[in-house]
Protein backbone atom coordinates (compact mmCIF):
# COMPACT_ATOMS: atom_id res chain seq x y z
CA UNK A 1 -89.27 -55.09 87.97
CA UNK A 2 -88.04 -51.55 87.24
CA UNK A 3 -85.31 -50.01 89.39
CA UNK A 4 -86.56 -47.29 91.68
CA UNK A 5 -85.06 -43.86 91.10
CA UNK A 6 -82.79 -44.12 94.16
CA UNK A 7 -81.19 -47.22 92.64
CA UNK A 8 -81.00 -45.54 89.23
CA UNK A 9 -79.06 -42.59 90.67
CA UNK A 10 -76.53 -45.00 92.19
CA UNK A 11 -76.42 -47.05 88.99
CA UNK A 12 -75.47 -43.87 87.09
CA UNK A 13 -72.51 -43.39 89.45
CA UNK A 14 -71.44 -47.03 89.10
CA UNK A 15 -71.37 -46.58 85.32
CA UNK A 16 -69.15 -43.51 85.74
CA UNK A 17 -66.83 -45.59 87.93
CA UNK A 18 -66.64 -48.19 85.14
CA UNK A 19 -65.98 -45.50 82.48
CA UNK A 20 -69.24 -46.57 80.80
CA UNK A 21 -70.15 -43.18 79.39
CA UNK A 22 -72.46 -44.65 76.73
CA UNK A 23 -74.31 -46.47 79.52
CA UNK A 24 -74.62 -43.19 81.45
CA UNK A 25 -75.96 -41.46 78.35
CA UNK A 26 -78.54 -44.20 77.83
CA UNK A 27 -79.89 -43.50 81.33
CA UNK A 28 -80.75 -39.90 80.33
CA UNK A 29 -83.42 -38.20 78.25
CA UNK A 30 -82.43 -36.67 74.91
CA UNK A 31 -82.50 -33.16 76.33
CA UNK A 32 -80.99 -33.89 79.75
CA UNK A 33 -79.12 -30.98 81.31
CA UNK A 34 -76.47 -30.60 84.00
CA UNK A 35 -75.73 -27.63 86.26
CA UNK A 36 -72.63 -27.45 88.46
CA UNK A 37 -71.39 -24.72 90.77
CA UNK A 38 -68.37 -24.14 88.50
CA UNK A 39 -69.66 -20.86 87.05
CA UNK A 40 -70.21 -22.25 83.54
CA UNK A 41 -73.97 -22.50 83.82
CA UNK A 42 -76.19 -25.21 82.45
CA UNK A 43 -74.81 -27.71 79.92
CA UNK A 44 -76.20 -30.64 78.02
CA UNK A 45 -75.49 -34.16 79.25
CA UNK A 46 -73.36 -34.96 76.19
CA UNK A 47 -70.95 -32.07 76.84
CA UNK A 48 -70.81 -32.99 80.52
CA UNK A 49 -70.02 -36.64 79.81
CA UNK A 50 -67.29 -35.63 77.32
CA UNK A 51 -65.78 -33.37 79.99
CA UNK A 52 -65.94 -36.16 82.59
CA UNK A 53 -64.38 -38.62 80.13
CA UNK A 54 -61.43 -36.26 79.55
CA UNK A 55 -61.09 -35.79 83.32
CA UNK A 56 -61.23 -39.57 83.89
CA UNK A 57 -58.31 -40.09 81.47
CA UNK A 58 -56.05 -38.61 84.20
CA UNK A 59 -57.44 -40.93 86.86
CA UNK A 60 -56.37 -44.49 87.69
CA UNK A 61 -59.42 -45.21 89.83
CA UNK A 62 -62.56 -43.44 90.90
CA UNK A 63 -65.12 -44.60 93.42
CA UNK A 64 -68.29 -42.98 94.69
CA UNK A 65 -69.56 -43.34 98.24
CA UNK A 66 -73.14 -42.20 98.76
CA UNK A 67 -73.33 -40.85 102.31
CA UNK A 68 -77.09 -40.22 102.40
CA UNK A 69 -79.94 -40.11 99.99
CA UNK A 70 -83.45 -38.63 99.97
CA UNK A 71 -86.13 -38.98 97.32
CA UNK A 72 -89.57 -37.88 96.30
CA UNK A 73 -91.66 -38.96 93.32
CA UNK A 74 -89.24 -37.77 90.60
CA UNK A 75 -86.06 -36.54 92.31
CA UNK A 76 -83.17 -37.99 94.28
CA UNK A 77 -80.99 -35.74 96.43
CA UNK A 78 -77.80 -37.26 97.73
CA UNK A 79 -74.61 -36.37 99.53
CA UNK A 80 -71.67 -38.20 98.01
CA UNK A 81 -67.88 -38.38 97.98
CA UNK A 82 -65.88 -39.21 94.88
CA UNK A 83 -62.54 -40.82 95.80
CA UNK A 84 -59.87 -40.38 93.12
CA UNK A 85 -56.43 -41.88 92.54
CA UNK A 86 -54.56 -39.99 89.84
CA UNK A 87 -52.20 -41.40 87.26
CA UNK A 88 -49.51 -39.25 88.94
CA UNK A 89 -50.02 -40.98 92.30
CA UNK A 90 -52.14 -38.23 93.82
CA UNK A 91 -55.19 -39.04 95.92
CA UNK A 92 -58.12 -36.68 96.36
CA UNK A 93 -61.81 -36.48 97.13
CA UNK A 94 -64.67 -34.49 95.65
CA UNK A 95 -67.50 -33.90 98.11
CA UNK A 96 -70.84 -33.13 96.50
CA UNK A 97 -74.55 -32.63 96.95
CA UNK A 98 -76.31 -33.88 93.83
CA UNK A 99 -79.92 -33.76 92.73
CA UNK A 100 -81.07 -36.13 89.98
CA UNK A 101 -84.43 -35.30 88.40
CA UNK A 102 -86.16 -38.05 86.46
CA UNK A 103 -88.48 -37.45 83.53
CA UNK A 104 -90.11 -39.46 80.76
CA UNK A 105 -89.61 -43.20 80.98
CA UNK A 106 -87.81 -42.94 84.30
CA UNK A 107 -84.75 -41.40 82.60
CA UNK A 108 -82.55 -38.72 84.15
CA UNK A 109 -83.67 -35.33 82.84
CA UNK A 110 -81.52 -33.00 84.96
CA UNK A 111 -78.55 -33.20 87.32
CA UNK A 112 -77.63 -30.37 89.67
CA UNK A 113 -74.32 -30.72 91.48
CA UNK A 114 -72.54 -28.60 94.07
CA UNK A 115 -68.98 -29.88 94.41
CA UNK A 116 -66.03 -29.19 96.67
CA UNK A 117 -62.67 -30.83 95.76
CA UNK A 118 -60.47 -31.84 98.70
CA UNK A 119 -56.83 -32.85 98.07
CA UNK A 120 -55.86 -35.62 100.50
CA UNK A 121 -52.33 -36.63 99.46
CA UNK A 122 -49.57 -35.31 97.27
CA UNK A 123 -47.97 -37.51 94.59
CA UNK A 124 -44.88 -39.41 95.70
């Protein structure tokens, strides 16, 4: 039985947690795009995953908590918190509202993300 799109959105996050960027890419259409509220505009999924991979190199652990989730036929909107432990001992959170849009074959076609980083502890 196929995963429903709510489960697929969470599965994408679990792959990010596991540093499985190839697995994340396989969950997306060839032309998948990502928009974040960082002022850089829309980017392709490949560029976004490369950026996340470079970011993750500075992180010991990352874990997503999905606070709430809503869906319709081809989109999942969720509120989530990314908990980070840095290689320097820092701890922080990134709060976000994320919309996953699914296209052909049930693959992710677009991700829109509004994020707000929150430092929670300074390195020791």
